[in-house]
Amino acid sequence: DMVFLKQHKVRKGDRVLLWDPNSPRWVSAFFAAASVGAVAVPLDI
């Protein structure tokens, strides 16, 4: 997911929305955003 974000030019400080029920994919996406320095914006389902 980190590679995927980088391919879409997501950089440190960029916002990444997360709108999804709790799931392993949500966990991976959140940690990936945090690891590339992006700011996660989790939304209530």
All heavy atoms as atom14 arrays in JSON, in Angstrom:
{
  "sequence": "DMVFLKQHKVRKGDRVLLWDPNSPRWVSAFFAAASVGAVAVPLDI",
  "atom14_mask": [
    [1, 1, 1, 1, 1, 1, 1, 1, 0, 0, 0, 0, 0, 0],
    [1, 1, 1, 1, 1, 1, 1, 1, 0, 0, 0, 0, 0, 0],
    [1, 1, 1, 1, 1, 1, 1, 0, 0, 0, 0, 0, 0, 0],
    [1, 1, 1, 1, 1, 1, 1, 1, 1, 1, 1, 0, 0, 0],
    [1, 1, 1, 1, 1, 1, 1, 1, 0, 0, 0, 0, 0, 0],
    [1, 1, 1, 1, 1, 1, 1, 1, 1, 0, 0, 0, 0, 0],
    [1, 1, 1, 1, 1, 1, 1, 1, 1, 0, 0, 0, 0, 0],
    [1, 1, 1, 1, 1, 1, 1, 1, 1, 1, 0, 0, 0, 0],
    [1, 1, 1, 1, 1, 1, 1, 1, 1, 0, 0, 0, 0, 0],
    [1, 1, 1, 1, 1, 1, 1, 0, 0, 0, 0, 0, 0, 0],
    [1, 1, 1, 1, 1, 1, 1, 1, 1, 1, 1, 0, 0, 0],
    [1, 1, 1, 1, 1, 1, 1, 1, 1, 0, 0, 0, 0, 0],
    [1, 1, 1, 1, 0, 0, 0, 0, 0, 0, 0, 0, 0, 0],
    [1, 1, 1, 1, 1, 1, 1, 1, 0, 0, 0, 0, 0, 0],
    [1, 1, 1, 1, 1, 1, 1, 1, 1, 1, 1, 0, 0, 0],
    [1, 1, 1, 1, 1, 1, 1, 0, 0, 0, 0, 0, 0, 0],
    [1, 1, 1, 1, 1, 1, 1, 1, 0, 0, 0, 0, 0, 0],
    [1, 1, 1, 1, 1, 1, 1, 1, 0, 0, 0, 0, 0, 0],
    [1, 1, 1, 1, 1, 1, 1, 1, 1, 1, 1, 1, 1, 1],
    [1, 1, 1, 1, 1, 1, 1, 1, 0, 0, 0, 0, 0, 0],
    [1, 1, 1, 1, 1, 1, 1, 0, 0, 0, 0, 0, 0, 0],
    [1, 1, 1, 1, 1, 1, 1, 1, 0, 0, 0, 0, 0, 0],
    [1, 1, 1, 1, 1, 1, 0, 0, 0, 0, 0, 0, 0, 0],
    [1, 1, 1, 1, 1, 1, 1, 0, 0, 0, 0, 0, 0, 0],
    [1, 1, 1, 1, 1, 1, 1, 1, 1, 1, 1, 0, 0, 0],
    [1, 1, 1, 1, 1, 1, 1, 1, 1, 1, 1, 1, 1, 1],
    [1, 1, 1, 1, 1, 1, 1, 0, 0, 0, 0, 0, 0, 0],
    [1, 1, 1, 1, 1, 1, 0, 0, 0, 0, 0, 0, 0, 0],
    [1, 1, 1, 1, 1, 0, 0, 0, 0, 0, 0, 0, 0, 0],
    [1, 1, 1, 1, 1, 1, 1, 1, 1, 1, 1, 0, 0, 0],
    [1, 1, 1, 1, 1, 1, 1, 1, 1, 1, 1, 0, 0, 0],
    [1, 1, 1, 1, 1, 0, 0, 0, 0, 0, 0, 0, 0, 0],
    [1, 1, 1, 1, 1, 0, 0, 0, 0, 0, 0, 0, 0, 0],
    [1, 1, 1, 1, 1, 0, 0, 0, 0, 0, 0, 0, 0, 0],
    [1, 1, 1, 1, 1, 1, 0, 0, 0, 0, 0, 0, 0, 0],
    [1, 1, 1, 1, 1, 1, 1, 0, 0, 0, 0, 0, 0, 0],
    [1, 1, 1, 1, 0, 0, 0, 0, 0, 0, 0, 0, 0, 0],
    [1, 1, 1, 1, 1, 0, 0, 0, 0, 0, 0, 0, 0, 0],
    [1, 1, 1, 1, 1, 1, 1, 0, 0, 0, 0, 0, 0, 0],
    [1, 1, 1, 1, 1, 0, 0, 0, 0, 0, 0, 0, 0, 0],
    [1, 1, 1, 1, 1, 1, 1, 0, 0, 0, 0, 0, 0, 0],
    [1, 1, 1, 1, 1, 1, 1, 0, 0, 0, 0, 0, 0, 0],
    [1, 1, 1, 1, 1, 1, 1, 1, 0, 0, 0, 0, 0, 0],
    [1, 1, 1, 1, 1, 1, 1, 1, 0, 0, 0, 0, 0, 0],
    [1, 1, 1, 1, 1, 1, 1, 1, 0, 0, 0, 0, 0, 0]
  ],
  "atom14_positions": [
    [[0.82, -1.21, 0.0], [0.0, 0.0, 0.0], [0.86, 1.26, 0.0], [0.49, 2.28, -0.59], [-0.94, 0.01, 1.21], [-2.13, -0.92, 1.03], [-2.43, -1.28, -0.13], [-2.76, -1.3, 2.04], [0.0, 0.0, 0.0], [0.0, 0.0, 0.0], [0.0, 0.0, 0.0], [0.0, 0.0, 0.0], [0.0, 0.0, 0.0], [0.0, 0.0, 0.0]],
    [[2.02, 1.2, 0.66], [2.94, 2.34, 0.64], [3.44, 2.61, -0.78], [3.48, 3.75, -1.24], [4.12, 2.08, 1.58], [3.76, 2.1, 3.04], [5.08, 1.44, 4.11], [6.37, 2.65, 3.85], [0.0, 0.0, 0.0], [0.0, 0.0, 0.0], [0.0, 0.0, 0.0], [0.0, 0.0, 0.0], [0.0, 0.0, 0.0], [0.0, 0.0, 0.0]],
    [[3.81, 1.53, -1.48], [4.24, 1.68, -2.87], [3.11, 2.24, -3.71], [3.3, 3.13, -4.56], [4.71, 0.32, -3.43], [4.99, 0.41, -4.92], [5.96, -0.14, -2.69], [0.0, 0.0, 0.0], [0.0, 0.0, 0.0], [0.0, 0.0, 0.0], [0.0, 0.0, 0.0], [0.0, 0.0, 0.0], [0.0, 0.0, 0.0], [0.0, 0.0, 0.0]],
    [[1.9, 1.75, -3.47], [0.73, 2.21, -4.21], [0.51, 3.7, -4.0], [0.25, 4.45, -4.96], [-0.49, 1.41, -3.74], [-1.71, 1.62, -4.59], [-1.8, 1.06, -5.85], [-2.78, 2.35, -4.12], [-2.93, 1.25, -6.64], [-3.92, 2.53, -4.89], [-3.98, 1.98, -6.16], [0.0, 0.0, 0.0], [0.0, 0.0, 0.0], [0.0, 0.0, 0.0]],
    [[0.64, 4.17, -2.75], [0.48, 5.6, -2.47], [1.57, 6.42, -3.16], [1.3, 7.49, -3.71], [0.51, 5.84, -0.96], [-0.72, 5.38, -0.19], [-0.48, 5.49, 1.31], [-1.95, 6.21, -0.58], [0.0, 0.0, 0.0], [0.0, 0.0, 0.0], [0.0, 0.0, 0.0], [0.0, 0.0, 0.0], [0.0, 0.0, 0.0], [0.0, 0.0, 0.0]],
    [[2.79, 5.91, -3.13], [3.87, 6.65, -3.77], [3.65, 6.76, -5.27], [3.93, 7.79, -5.89], [5.21, 5.98, -3.49], [6.37, 6.77, -4.06], [7.7, 6.12, -3.8], [8.81, 6.92, -4.47], [10.13, 6.3, -4.32], [0.0, 0.0, 0.0], [0.0, 0.0, 0.0], [0.0, 0.0, 0.0], [0.0, 0.0, 0.0], [0.0, 0.0, 0.0]],
    [[3.14, 5.7, -5.87], [2.87, 5.73, -7.31], [1.83, 6.79, -7.65], [1.8, 7.3, -8.76], [2.41, 4.35, -7.78], [3.52, 3.33, -7.8], [3.02, 1.92, -8.08], [1.82, 1.64, -7.97], [3.93, 1.03, -8.46], [0.0, 0.0, 0.0], [0.0, 0.0, 0.0], [0.0, 0.0, 0.0], [0.0, 0.0, 0.0], [0.0, 0.0, 0.0]],
    [[1.0, 7.14, -6.67], [0.0, 8.2, -6.86], [0.48, 9.53, -6.3], [-0.34, 10.43, -6.03], [-1.33, 7.79, -6.22], [-2.09, 6.77, -7.02], [-1.8, 5.42, -6.97], [-3.11, 6.91, -7.91], [-2.62, 4.78, -7.77], [-3.42, 5.65, -8.36], [0.0, 0.0, 0.0], [0.0, 0.0, 0.0], [0.0, 0.0, 0.0], [0.0, 0.0, 0.0]],
    [[1.79, 9.66, -6.12], [2.44, 10.93, -5.74], [2.0, 11.44, -4.37], [2.0, 12.65, -4.12], [2.16, 12.01, -6.79], [2.43, 11.58, -8.23], [3.88, 11.19, -8.44], [4.13, 10.81, -9.9], [5.52, 10.33, -10.13], [0.0, 0.0, 0.0], [0.0, 0.0, 0.0], [0.0, 0.0, 0.0], [0.0, 0.0, 0.0], [0.0, 0.0, 0.0]],
    [[1.64, 10.54, -3.47], [1.29, 10.95, -2.11], [2.58, 11.15, -1.32], [3.43, 10.26, -1.25], [0.41, 9.9, -1.4], [0.16, 10.29, 0.05], [-0.91, 9.75, -2.15], [0.0, 0.0, 0.0], [0.0, 0.0, 0.0], [0.0, 0.0, 0.0], [0.0, 0.0, 0.0], [0.0, 0.0, 0.0], [0.0, 0.0, 0.0], [0.0, 0.0, 0.0]],
    [[2.73, 12.34, -0.72], [3.96, 12.7, -0.03], [3.67, 13.06, 1.42], [2.51, 13.13, 1.85], [4.64, 13.87, -0.73], [5.09, 13.55, -2.17], [5.76, 14.75, -2.8], [6.31, 14.44, -4.11], [5.62, 14.48, -5.24], [4.34, 14.84, -5.22], [6.2, 14.18, -6.39], [0.0, 0.0, 0.0], [0.0, 0.0, 0.0], [0.0, 0.0, 0.0]],
    [[4.74, 13.31, 2.15], [4.62, 13.68, 3.55], [3.74, 14.92, 3.69], [3.93, 15.91, 2.98], [6.01, 13.96, 4.15], [5.97, 14.3, 5.63], [7.37, 14.53, 6.18], [7.31, 14.88, 7.67], [8.66, 15.11, 8.24], [0.0, 0.0, 0.0], [0.0, 0.0, 0.0], [0.0, 0.0, 0.0], [0.0, 0.0, 0.0], [0.0, 0.0, 0.0]],
    [[2.78, 14.84, 4.61], [1.88, 15.96, 4.85], [0.61, 15.93, 4.04], [-0.36, 16.64, 4.37], [0.0, 0.0, 0.0], [0.0, 0.0, 0.0], [0.0, 0.0, 0.0], [0.0, 0.0, 0.0], [0.0, 0.0, 0.0], [0.0, 0.0, 0.0], [0.0, 0.0, 0.0], [0.0, 0.0, 0.0], [0.0, 0.0, 0.0], [0.0, 0.0, 0.0]],
    [[0.56, 15.13, 2.96], [-0.67, 15.01, 2.17], [-1.75, 14.31, 2.99], [-1.47, 13.48, 3.85], [-0.42, 14.2, 0.9], [0.38, 14.97, -0.13], [0.6, 16.17, 0.07], [0.79, 14.35, -1.14], [0.0, 0.0, 0.0], [0.0, 0.0, 0.0], [0.0, 0.0, 0.0], [0.0, 0.0, 0.0], [0.0, 0.0, 0.0], [0.0, 0.0, 0.0]],
    [[-3.01, 14.66, 2.72], [-4.13, 14.03, 3.4], [-4.61, 12.81, 2.62], [-4.7, 12.85, 1.4], [-5.29, 15.0, 3.54], [-5.28, 15.92, 4.75], [-4.02, 16.69, 4.96], [-4.2, 17.7, 6.0], [-3.22, 18.36, 6.56], [-1.97, 18.13, 6.2], [-3.45, 19.29, 7.48], [0.0, 0.0, 0.0], [0.0, 0.0, 0.0], [0.0, 0.0, 0.0]],
    [[-4.92, 11.73, 3.35], [-5.44, 10.5, 2.74], [-6.73, 10.12, 3.46], [-6.72, 9.83, 4.66], [-4.43, 9.34, 2.84], [-5.06, 8.04, 2.32], [-3.16, 9.67, 2.06], [0.0, 0.0, 0.0], [0.0, 0.0, 0.0], [0.0, 0.0, 0.0], [0.0, 0.0, 0.0], [0.0, 0.0, 0.0], [0.0, 0.0, 0.0], [0.0, 0.0, 0.0]],
    [[-7.86, 10.15, 2.74], [-9.15, 9.78, 3.32], [-9.25, 8.27, 3.47], [-8.8, 7.51, 2.6], [-10.3, 10.27, 2.45], [-10.64, 11.76, 2.41], [-11.9, 11.97, 1.59], [-10.83, 12.31, 3.81], [0.0, 0.0, 0.0], [0.0, 0.0, 0.0], [0.0, 0.0, 0.0], [0.0, 0.0, 0.0], [0.0, 0.0, 0.0], [0.0, 0.0, 0.0]],
    [[-9.88, 7.83, 4.57], [-10.18, 6.42, 4.8], [-11.65, 6.3, 5.17], [-12.06, 6.69, 6.26], [-9.32, 5.87, 5.94], [-7.84, 5.63, 5.64], [-7.06, 5.46, 6.93], [-7.69, 4.39, 4.79], [0.0, 0.0, 0.0], [0.0, 0.0, 0.0], [0.0, 0.0, 0.0], [0.0, 0.0, 0.0], [0.0, 0.0, 0.0], [0.0, 0.0, 0.0]],
    [[-12.43, 5.76, 4.25], [-13.88, 5.6, 4.5], [-14.23, 4.15, 4.23], [-14.5, 3.74, 3.11], [-14.67, 6.53, 3.59], [-16.12, 6.66, 3.97], [-16.66, 6.58, 5.22], [-17.21, 6.93, 3.08], [-18.02, 6.77, 5.18], [-18.4, 6.99, 3.88], [-17.3, 7.13, 1.71], [-19.64, 7.24, 3.32], [-18.57, 7.38, 1.16], [-19.73, 7.44, 1.97]],
    [[-14.21, 3.37, 5.29], [-14.38, 1.93, 5.16], [-14.66, 1.35, 6.53], [-14.11, 1.82, 7.53], [-13.09, 1.32, 4.58], [-13.22, -0.16, 4.27], [-14.29, -0.57, 3.79], [-12.25, -0.89, 4.51], [0.0, 0.0, 0.0], [0.0, 0.0, 0.0], [0.0, 0.0, 0.0], [0.0, 0.0, 0.0], [0.0, 0.0, 0.0], [0.0, 0.0, 0.0]],
    [[-15.5, 0.31, 6.64], [-15.68, -0.36, 7.94], [-14.35, -0.95, 8.41], [-13.44, -1.19, 7.62], [-16.7, -1.46, 7.63], [-17.42, -1.0, 6.39], [-16.39, -0.25, 5.6], [0.0, 0.0, 0.0], [0.0, 0.0, 0.0], [0.0, 0.0, 0.0], [0.0, 0.0, 0.0], [0.0, 0.0, 0.0], [0.0, 0.0, 0.0], [0.0, 0.0, 0.0]],
    [[-14.25, -1.2, 9.72], [-13.04, -1.8, 10.27], [-12.75, -3.12, 9.57], [-13.62, -3.99, 9.46], [-13.2, -2.04, 11.77], [-13.22, -0.74, 12.55], [-12.75, 0.29, 12.07], [-13.77, -0.77, 13.75], [0.0, 0.0, 0.0], [0.0, 0.0, 0.0], [0.0, 0.0, 0.0], [0.0, 0.0, 0.0], [0.0, 0.0, 0.0], [0.0, 0.0, 0.0]],
    [[-11.53, -3.28, 9.12], [-11.13, -4.49, 8.4], [-9.62, -4.51, 8.3], [-8.95, -3.5, 8.52], [-11.73, -4.5, 6.98], [-11.12, -3.49, 6.18], [0.0, 0.0, 0.0], [0.0, 0.0, 0.0], [0.0, 0.0, 0.0], [0.0, 0.0, 0.0], [0.0, 0.0, 0.0], [0.0, 0.0, 0.0], [0.0, 0.0, 0.0], [0.0, 0.0, 0.0]],
    [[-9.03, -5.67, 7.96], [-7.58, -5.71, 7.75], [-7.1, -4.74, 6.68], [-6.02, -4.16, 6.79], [-7.32, -7.16, 7.33], [-8.44, -7.93, 7.99], [-9.62, -7.02, 7.92], [0.0, 0.0, 0.0], [0.0, 0.0, 0.0], [0.0, 0.0, 0.0], [0.0, 0.0, 0.0], [0.0, 0.0, 0.0], [0.0, 0.0, 0.0], [0.0, 0.0, 0.0]],
    [[-7.9, -4.54, 5.63], [-7.51, -3.6, 4.57], [-7.46, -2.18, 5.1], [-6.6, -1.38, 4.71], [-8.48, -3.7, 3.39], [-8.36, -4.96, 2.6], [-7.01, -5.08, 1.88], [-6.91, -4.2, 0.74], [-6.1, -3.17, 0.63], [-5.29, -2.85, 1.62], [-6.06, -2.44, -0.45], [0.0, 0.0, 0.0], [0.0, 0.0, 0.0], [0.0, 0.0, 0.0]],
    [[-8.41, -1.83, 5.98], [-8.38, -0.49, 6.6], [-7.1, -0.32, 7.4], [-6.43, 0.72, 7.34], [-9.6, -0.31, 7.5], [-9.81, 1.08, 8.0], [-10.71, 1.99, 7.52], [-9.14, 1.73, 9.08], [-10.62, 3.17, 8.24], [-9.66, 3.04, 9.2], [-8.12, 1.35, 9.97], [-9.22, 3.96, 10.15], [-7.66, 2.26, 10.91], [-8.22, 3.55, 11.01]],
    [[-6.76, -1.34, 8.19], [-5.55, -1.29, 9.02], [-4.31, -1.07, 8.15], [-3.47, -0.21, 8.45], [-5.4, -2.59, 9.84], [-4.06, -2.62, 10.56], [-6.55, -2.72, 10.84], [0.0, 0.0, 0.0], [0.0, 0.0, 0.0], [0.0, 0.0, 0.0], [0.0, 0.0, 0.0], [0.0, 0.0, 0.0], [0.0, 0.0, 0.0], [0.0, 0.0, 0.0]],
    [[-4.21, -1.82, 7.07], [-3.06, -1.7, 6.18], [-2.99, -0.32, 5.55], [-1.92, 0.3, 5.5], [-3.12, -2.77, 5.09], [-2.06, -2.62, 4.17], [0.0, 0.0, 0.0], [0.0, 0.0, 0.0], [0.0, 0.0, 0.0], [0.0, 0.0, 0.0], [0.0, 0.0, 0.0], [0.0, 0.0, 0.0], [0.0, 0.0, 0.0], [0.0, 0.0, 0.0]],
    [[-4.12, 0.19, 5.09], [-4.15, 1.51, 4.45], [-3.75, 2.61, 5.44], [-3.01, 3.54, 5.09], [-5.53, 1.78, 3.87], [0.0, 0.0, 0.0], [0.0, 0.0, 0.0], [0.0, 0.0, 0.0], [0.0, 0.0, 0.0], [0.0, 0.0, 0.0], [0.0, 0.0, 0.0], [0.0, 0.0, 0.0], [0.0, 0.0, 0.0], [0.0, 0.0, 0.0]],
    [[-4.25, 2.51, 6.67], [-3.92, 3.51, 7.69], [-2.42, 3.51, 7.99], [-1.76, 4.56, 8.0], [-4.7, 3.25, 8.97], [-4.39, 4.22, 10.08], [-5.06, 5.43, 10.19], [-3.4, 3.93, 11.01], [-4.75, 6.33, 11.2], [-3.08, 4.82, 12.02], [-3.76, 6.02, 12.12], [0.0, 0.0, 0.0], [0.0, 0.0, 0.0], [0.0, 0.0, 0.0]],
    [[-1.87, 2.32, 8.24], [-0.44, 2.22, 8.55], [0.42, 2.65, 7.36], [1.49, 3.23, 7.54], [-0.08, 0.8, 8.96], [-0.4, 0.49, 10.4], [-0.97, -0.73, 10.74], [-0.13, 1.39, 11.41], [-1.26, -1.03, 12.06], [-0.42, 1.1, 12.74], [-0.98, -0.12, 13.06], [0.0, 0.0, 0.0], [0.0, 0.0, 0.0], [0.0, 0.0, 0.0]],
    [[-0.03, 2.35, 6.15], [0.72, 2.77, 4.96], [0.76, 4.29, 4.85], [1.82, 4.88, 4.58], [0.11, 2.16, 3.71], [0.0, 0.0, 0.0], [0.0, 0.0, 0.0], [0.0, 0.0, 0.0], [0.0, 0.0, 0.0], [0.0, 0.0, 0.0], [0.0, 0.0, 0.0], [0.0, 0.0, 0.0], [0.0, 0.0, 0.0], [0.0, 0.0, 0.0]],
    [[-0.38, 4.93, 5.05], [-0.43, 6.39, 5.0], [0.5, 6.99, 6.05], [1.28, 7.92, 5.77], [-1.86, 6.88, 5.21], [0.0, 0.0, 0.0], [0.0, 0.0, 0.0], [0.0, 0.0, 0.0], [0.0, 0.0, 0.0], [0.0, 0.0, 0.0], [0.0, 0.0, 0.0], [0.0, 0.0, 0.0], [0.0, 0.0, 0.0], [0.0, 0.0, 0.0]],
    [[0.45, 6.44, 7.27], [1.31, 6.95, 8.34], [2.78, 6.75, 8.02], [3.62, 7.59, 8.34], [0.96, 6.25, 9.66], [0.0, 0.0, 0.0], [0.0, 0.0, 0.0], [0.0, 0.0, 0.0], [0.0, 0.0, 0.0], [0.0, 0.0, 0.0], [0.0, 0.0, 0.0], [0.0, 0.0, 0.0], [0.0, 0.0, 0.0], [0.0, 0.0, 0.0]],
    [[3.11, 5.64, 7.37], [4.51, 5.3, 7.12], [5.13, 6.13, 6.0], [6.35, 6.28, 5.95], [4.64, 3.81, 6.79], [4.27, 3.02, 7.91], [0.0, 0.0, 0.0], [0.0, 0.0, 0.0], [0.0, 0.0, 0.0], [0.0, 0.0, 0.0], [0.0, 0.0, 0.0], [0.0, 0.0, 0.0], [0.0, 0.0, 0.0], [0.0, 0.0, 0.0]],
    [[4.32, 6.66, 5.09], [4.86, 7.55, 4.06], [4.8, 9.0, 4.5], [5.17, 9.91, 3.75], [4.13, 7.38, 2.71], [4.27, 5.96, 2.19], [2.67, 7.8, 2.8], [0.0, 0.0, 0.0], [0.0, 0.0, 0.0], [0.0, 0.0, 0.0], [0.0, 0.0, 0.0], [0.0, 0.0, 0.0], [0.0, 0.0, 0.0], [0.0, 0.0, 0.0]],
    [[4.33, 9.23, 5.74], [4.28, 10.59, 6.27], [3.02, 11.34, 5.94], [2.9, 12.54, 6.24], [0.0, 0.0, 0.0], [0.0, 0.0, 0.0], [0.0, 0.0, 0.0], [0.0, 0.0, 0.0], [0.0, 0.0, 0.0], [0.0, 0.0, 0.0], [0.0, 0.0, 0.0], [0.0, 0.0, 0.0], [0.0, 0.0, 0.0], [0.0, 0.0, 0.0]],
    [[2.05, 10.65, 5.31], [0.78, 11.3, 5.0], [-0.07, 11.42, 6.27], [0.21, 10.78, 7.28], [0.02, 10.52, 3.93], [0.0, 0.0, 0.0], [0.0, 0.0, 0.0], [0.0, 0.0, 0.0], [0.0, 0.0, 0.0], [0.0, 0.0, 0.0], [0.0, 0.0, 0.0], [0.0, 0.0, 0.0], [0.0, 0.0, 0.0], [0.0, 0.0, 0.0]],
    [[-1.11, 12.22, 6.19], [-2.02, 12.43, 7.32], [-3.32, 11.69, 7.02], [-4.02, 12.02, 6.06], [-2.3, 13.92, 7.55], [-3.26, 14.12, 8.72], [-0.99, 14.67, 7.79], [0.0, 0.0, 0.0], [0.0, 0.0, 0.0], [0.0, 0.0, 0.0], [0.0, 0.0, 0.0], [0.0, 0.0, 0.0], [0.0, 0.0, 0.0], [0.0, 0.0, 0.0]],
    [[-3.62, 10.68, 7.82], [-4.85, 9.92, 7.61], [-6.06, 10.72, 8.06], [-6.02, 11.43, 9.07], [-4.79, 8.6, 8.39], [0.0, 0.0, 0.0], [0.0, 0.0, 0.0], [0.0, 0.0, 0.0], [0.0, 0.0, 0.0], [0.0, 0.0, 0.0], [0.0, 0.0, 0.0], [0.0, 0.0, 0.0], [0.0, 0.0, 0.0], [0.0, 0.0, 0.0]],
    [[-7.14, 10.62, 7.29], [-8.4, 11.26, 7.64], [-9.47, 10.17, 7.68], [-10.17, 9.94, 6.7], [-8.78, 12.37, 6.64], [-10.06, 13.08, 7.07], [-7.64, 13.37, 6.48], [0.0, 0.0, 0.0], [0.0, 0.0, 0.0], [0.0, 0.0, 0.0], [0.0, 0.0, 0.0], [0.0, 0.0, 0.0], [0.0, 0.0, 0.0], [0.0, 0.0, 0.0]],
    [[-9.57, 9.45, 8.81], [-10.57, 8.37, 8.9], [-11.97, 8.94, 9.06], [-12.19, 9.88, 9.83], [-10.13, 7.6, 10.15], [-9.4, 8.61, 10.98], [-8.76, 9.56, 10.03], [0.0, 0.0, 0.0], [0.0, 0.0, 0.0], [0.0, 0.0, 0.0], [0.0, 0.0, 0.0], [0.0, 0.0, 0.0], [0.0, 0.0, 0.0], [0.0, 0.0, 0.0]],
    [[-12.91, 8.37, 8.33], [-14.28, 8.86, 8.35], [-15.22, 7.84, 8.98], [-15.05, 6.64, 8.81], [-14.76, 9.16, 6.92], [-13.91, 10.14, 6.12], [-14.5, 10.34, 4.74], [-13.78, 11.49, 6.84], [0.0, 0.0, 0.0], [0.0, 0.0, 0.0], [0.0, 0.0, 0.0], [0.0, 0.0, 0.0], [0.0, 0.0, 0.0], [0.0, 0.0, 0.0]],
    [[-16.21, 8.35, 9.68], [-17.26, 7.51, 10.25], [-18.01, 6.83, 9.11], [-18.42, 7.49, 8.15], [-18.2, 8.38, 11.08], [-19.19, 7.58, 11.93], [-19.59, 6.47, 11.5], [-19.56, 8.07, 13.0], [0.0, 0.0, 0.0], [0.0, 0.0, 0.0], [0.0, 0.0, 0.0], [0.0, 0.0, 0.0], [0.0, 0.0, 0.0], [0.0, 0.0, 0.0]],
    [[-18.2, 5.51, 9.21], [-18.9, 4.8, 8.14], [-20.36, 5.24, 8.02], [-21.0, 5.0, 7.0], [-18.82, 3.28, 8.31], [-19.49, 2.84, 9.62], [-17.39, 2.8, 8.24], [-19.63, 1.34, 9.75], [0.0, 0.0, 0.0], [0.0, 0.0, 0.0], [0.0, 0.0, 0.0], [0.0, 0.0, 0.0], [0.0, 0.0, 0.0], [0.0, 0.0, 0.0]]
  ]
}
